Amino acid sequence: MPTQTAPRSQRYAPPEVRRQQLIEATLDALAQKGVSGTTMAEVTRRAGLSMGIVSLHFQSKDNLLTATLRSLAEEIRDAWAHSHKDSTLSPAKRLSSVVAASFDASTSSPTKMRAWFAFFGEARYRQIYRDMVTDFDEERIDAIETLCAQIIHEGGYKDICPKTLAATVECLCDGLWLSMILYPDWMTPAVAKCRVMDVLARHFPMHFQLSGAQTGAGTQAEGAT
């Protein structure tokens, strides 16, 4: 297929626009072709730009993929961190918002989820994935643990370890993302969020309500306080 010619306004876009355009083209390529099939030539073809442009901004495939992975991680972090820092919200509302960010349409589209798992499944890039994503994951787990501890204190809950529960929520979210890729007809983002919220509701019944998602017909659970 011949390389598409970008519109004049697109060809003369600012550097940050060009970078984002190339990252979006990389996401599309990763989702359809995996890491090994995502070449500089493939990305430029999808972006409708020249090889010189992608080389100017990223120099190499490794740099391009690393920038794409960082963009994905920062997008999710920004999605949950905003609500987490809102002191006007109760701990339950903030925890609900942190969970919701994992299943928001802007961060959990099929293309982005497939791109995540493309990185994770490629042995060559797995260490880059771990090195970059670990800090983001630990920050989110720490935030969830802190909120769980606050809810435990508020509700006087007994025999609940906030650290263990935070790790459970994190692992559950990762597993649900995989289910959303494999079974998109029934594991939708809304149902996936409900699954996590139901776990929280069983631990914190005074703060969250069961959604009914275990039957596949529930609505999204919200913090009650």
Protein backbone atom coordinates (compact mmCIF):
# COMPACT_ATOMS: atom_id res chain seq x y z
CA MET A 1 0.00 0.00 0.00
CA PRO A 2 1.50 3.42 -0.93
CA THR A 3 2.27 5.93 1.77
CA GLN A 4 -0.56 8.38 2.28
CA THR A 5 0.24 12.07 1.94
CA ALA A 6 -0.68 14.08 5.00
CA PRO A 7 -2.71 17.27 4.62
CA ARG A 8 -0.61 20.46 4.57
CA SER A 9 -1.81 21.52 8.05
CA GLN A 10 -0.79 18.10 9.37
CA ARG A 11 2.63 18.14 7.68
CA TYR A 12 3.45 21.50 9.25
CA ALA A 13 2.05 20.73 12.71
CA PRO A 14 4.06 21.67 15.84
CA PRO A 15 6.56 19.08 17.15
CA GLU A 16 4.34 18.02 20.06
CA VAL A 17 1.45 17.38 17.67
CA ARG A 18 3.72 15.34 15.40
CA ARG A 19 4.94 13.26 18.35
CA GLN A 20 1.41 12.52 19.49
CA GLN A 21 0.38 11.65 15.96
CA LEU A 22 3.23 9.16 15.71
CA ILE A 23 2.43 7.68 19.13
CA GLU A 24 -1.21 7.16 18.11
CA ALA A 25 -0.08 5.48 14.89
CA THR A 26 2.23 3.27 16.97
CA LEU A 27 -0.68 2.26 19.22
CA ASP A 28 -2.71 1.22 16.18
CA ALA A 29 0.20 -0.79 14.82
CA LEU A 30 0.86 -2.48 18.16
CA ALA A 31 -2.80 -3.44 18.53
CA GLN A 32 -2.90 -5.06 15.10
CA LYS A 33 0.64 -6.33 14.51
CA GLY A 34 2.29 -6.65 17.92
CA VAL A 35 5.72 -5.37 18.83
CA SER A 36 7.66 -7.29 16.19
CA GLY A 37 5.35 -6.07 13.41
CA THR A 38 5.46 -2.45 14.52
CA THR A 39 8.25 -1.04 12.39
CA MET A 40 9.23 2.57 11.81
CA ALA A 41 8.01 2.20 8.22
CA GLU A 42 4.64 0.84 9.37
CA VAL A 43 4.18 3.72 11.81
CA THR A 44 5.03 6.38 9.26
CA ARG A 45 2.64 4.77 6.77
CA ARG A 46 -0.19 4.85 9.29
CA ALA A 47 0.62 8.42 10.32
CA GLY A 48 0.89 9.58 6.72
CA LEU A 49 4.33 11.07 7.39
CA SER A 50 7.84 10.49 6.08
CA MET A 51 10.49 8.25 7.61
CA GLY A 52 12.54 11.37 8.21
CA ILE A 53 9.89 12.77 10.55
CA VAL A 54 9.75 9.71 12.80
CA SER A 55 13.57 9.50 12.80
CA LEU A 56 13.79 13.18 13.73
CA HIS A 57 11.48 12.78 16.73
CA PHE A 58 12.42 9.32 18.01
CA GLN A 59 15.68 8.24 16.26
CA SER A 60 14.91 4.52 16.73
CA LYS A 61 12.13 1.97 17.12
CA ASP A 62 13.12 1.41 20.75
CA ASN A 63 12.72 5.12 21.52
CA LEU A 64 9.38 5.21 19.73
CA LEU A 65 8.02 2.22 21.63
CA THR A 66 9.34 3.53 24.95
CA ALA A 67 7.67 6.89 24.37
CA THR A 68 4.42 5.13 23.47
CA LEU A 69 4.52 3.02 26.62
CA ARG A 70 5.23 6.08 28.76
CA SER A 71 2.32 7.90 27.14
CA LEU A 72 -0.03 5.03 28.05
CA ALA A 73 1.22 4.90 31.64
CA GLU A 74 1.04 8.66 32.15
CA GLU A 75 -2.48 8.79 30.72
CA ILE A 76 -3.75 6.27 33.27
CA ARG A 77 -1.87 7.98 36.09
CA ASP A 78 -3.35 11.37 35.20
CA ALA A 79 -6.83 9.81 35.06
CA TRP A 80 -6.78 8.53 38.65
CA ALA A 81 -4.43 11.03 40.29
CA HIS A 82 -6.74 14.00 39.71
CA SER A 83 -9.58 12.50 41.76
CA HIS A 84 -7.23 10.98 44.30
CA LYS A 85 -5.87 14.43 45.17
CA ASP A 86 -9.33 16.00 45.52
CA SER A 87 -9.62 16.58 49.27
CA THR A 88 -13.29 17.54 48.91
CA LEU A 89 -14.14 13.90 48.16
CA SER A 90 -14.49 11.20 50.79
CA PRO A 91 -11.98 8.33 50.79
CA ALA A 92 -14.70 6.04 49.39
CA LYS A 93 -15.44 8.41 46.51
CA ARG A 94 -11.75 8.79 45.77
CA LEU A 95 -11.22 5.04 45.81
CA SER A 96 -14.17 4.57 43.47
CA SER A 97 -12.63 7.15 41.12
CA VAL A 98 -9.23 5.44 41.16
CA VAL A 99 -10.89 2.15 40.19
CA ALA A 100 -13.04 3.83 37.54
CA ALA A 101 -9.94 5.32 35.88
CA SER A 102 -8.75 1.81 35.00
CA PHE A 103 -11.90 1.21 32.97
CA ASP A 104 -12.57 4.65 31.54
CA ALA A 105 -13.24 4.67 27.80
CA SER A 106 -10.27 6.97 27.21
CA THR A 107 -7.76 4.64 28.89
CA SER A 108 -9.19 1.17 28.27
CA SER A 109 -10.09 1.21 24.59
CA PRO A 110 -9.46 -2.11 22.78
CA THR A 111 -6.53 -0.54 20.91
CA LYS A 112 -4.80 0.65 24.07
CA MET A 113 -5.39 -2.58 25.97
CA ARG A 114 -3.96 -4.64 23.12
CA ALA A 115 -0.96 -2.32 23.01
CA TRP A 116 -0.38 -2.85 26.75
CA PHE A 117 -0.41 -6.61 26.37
CA ALA A 118 1.75 -6.44 23.26
CA PHE A 119 4.50 -4.89 25.39
CA PHE A 120 3.97 -7.33 28.23
CA GLY A 121 4.03 -10.37 25.96
CA GLU A 122 7.22 -9.47 24.09
CA ALA A 123 10.26 -10.89 25.89
CA ARG A 124 12.66 -8.34 24.44
CA TYR A 125 10.64 -5.40 25.74
CA ARG A 126 9.37 -6.96 28.95
CA GLN A 127 12.16 -5.48 31.06
CA ILE A 128 11.55 -2.02 29.58
CA TYR A 129 7.88 -2.53 30.44
CA ARG A 130 8.72 -3.47 34.01
CA ASP A 131 11.28 -0.70 34.53
CA MET A 132 8.90 1.98 33.34
CA VAL A 133 5.55 0.75 34.61
CA THR A 134 6.66 -0.42 38.05
CA ASP A 135 6.87 3.11 39.45
CA PHE A 136 3.41 3.97 38.12
CA ASP A 137 1.95 0.73 39.49
CA GLU A 138 3.53 1.17 42.91
CA GLU A 139 2.24 4.72 43.13
CA ARG A 140 -1.31 3.56 42.38
CA ILE A 141 -1.10 0.63 44.80
CA ASP A 142 0.15 2.98 47.53
CA ALA A 143 -2.75 5.33 46.82
CA ILE A 144 -5.28 2.49 47.02
CA GLU A 145 -3.68 1.20 50.22
CA THR A 146 -3.88 4.64 51.84
CA LEU A 147 -7.54 5.05 50.90
CA CYS A 148 -8.37 1.55 52.15
CA ALA A 149 -6.68 2.35 55.46
CA GLN A 150 -8.74 5.53 55.78
CA ILE A 151 -11.97 3.65 55.07
CA ILE A 152 -11.04 0.94 57.58
CA HIS A 153 -10.53 3.63 60.20
CA GLU A 154 -13.78 5.41 59.32
CA GLY A 155 -15.88 2.26 59.41
CA GLY A 156 -14.13 0.51 62.27
CA TYR A 157 -13.62 -2.54 60.07
CA LYS A 158 -11.68 -5.41 61.59
CA ASP A 159 -9.29 -8.01 60.19
CA ILE A 160 -8.72 -6.22 56.87
CA CYS A 161 -5.14 -5.60 55.73
CA PRO A 162 -5.10 -2.51 53.50
CA LYS A 163 -1.83 -3.55 51.85
CA THR A 164 -3.18 -6.98 50.91
CA LEU A 165 -6.47 -5.56 49.68
CA ALA A 166 -4.70 -2.93 47.55
CA ALA A 167 -2.55 -5.61 45.90
CA THR A 168 -5.67 -7.71 45.28
CA VAL A 169 -7.46 -4.80 43.60
CA GLU A 170 -4.43 -4.10 41.41
CA CYS A 171 -4.14 -7.72 40.29
CA LEU A 172 -7.87 -7.95 39.69
CA CYS A 173 -7.80 -4.89 37.44
CA ASP A 174 -4.97 -6.41 35.37
CA GLY A 175 -6.86 -9.69 35.01
CA LEU A 176 -10.07 -7.94 34.02
CA TRP A 177 -8.23 -6.04 31.30
CA LEU A 178 -7.18 -9.37 29.81
CA SER A 179 -10.77 -10.62 30.02
CA MET A 180 -11.95 -7.47 28.24
CA ILE A 181 -9.60 -8.31 25.36
CA LEU A 182 -10.53 -12.00 25.21
CA TYR A 183 -14.28 -11.70 25.89
CA PRO A 184 -15.38 -8.19 24.86
CA ASP A 185 -19.00 -9.22 24.30
CA TRP A 186 -19.67 -9.82 27.98
CA MET A 187 -16.71 -8.34 29.87
CA THR A 188 -17.30 -4.68 29.18
CA PRO A 189 -15.53 -1.82 31.01
CA ALA A 190 -18.71 -1.16 33.02
CA VAL A 191 -19.00 -4.78 34.16
CA ALA A 192 -15.27 -4.96 34.89
CA LYS A 193 -15.50 -1.93 37.13
CA CYS A 194 -18.45 -3.49 38.94
CA ARG A 195 -16.44 -6.64 39.62
CA VAL A 196 -13.80 -4.60 41.43
CA MET A 197 -16.35 -2.51 43.27
CA ASP A 198 -18.11 -5.68 44.44
CA VAL A 199 -14.87 -6.85 46.03
CA LEU A 200 -14.64 -3.53 47.85
CA ALA A 201 -18.32 -3.74 48.85
CA ARG A 202 -17.77 -7.13 50.47
CA HIS A 203 -14.91 -5.69 52.51
CA PHE A 204 -16.51 -2.30 53.19
CA PRO A 205 -20.31 -2.83 53.26
CA MET A 206 -20.93 0.50 55.01
CA HIS A 207 -19.16 2.40 52.24
CA PHE A 208 -20.04 0.55 49.02
CA GLN A 209 -23.04 -1.35 47.69
CA LEU A 210 -22.97 -4.59 45.73
CA SER A 211 -23.62 -3.79 42.08
CA GLY A 212 -25.13 -7.04 40.88
CA ALA A 213 -22.39 -7.35 38.23
CA GLN A 214 -21.82 -10.96 39.27
CA THR A 215 -25.00 -11.73 37.32
CA GLY A 216 -23.81 -9.66 34.37
CA ALA A 217 -26.65 -7.14 34.74
CA GLY A 218 -25.38 -4.68 37.32
CA THR A 219 -24.68 -0.99 37.14
CA GLN A 220 -21.49 0.68 38.31
CA ALA A 221 -21.12 0.76 42.08
CA GLU A 222 -20.37 4.05 43.73
CA GLY A 223 -18.96 5.03 47.07
CA ALA A 224 -21.77 5.55 49.56
CA THR A 225 -19.96 8.15 51.63
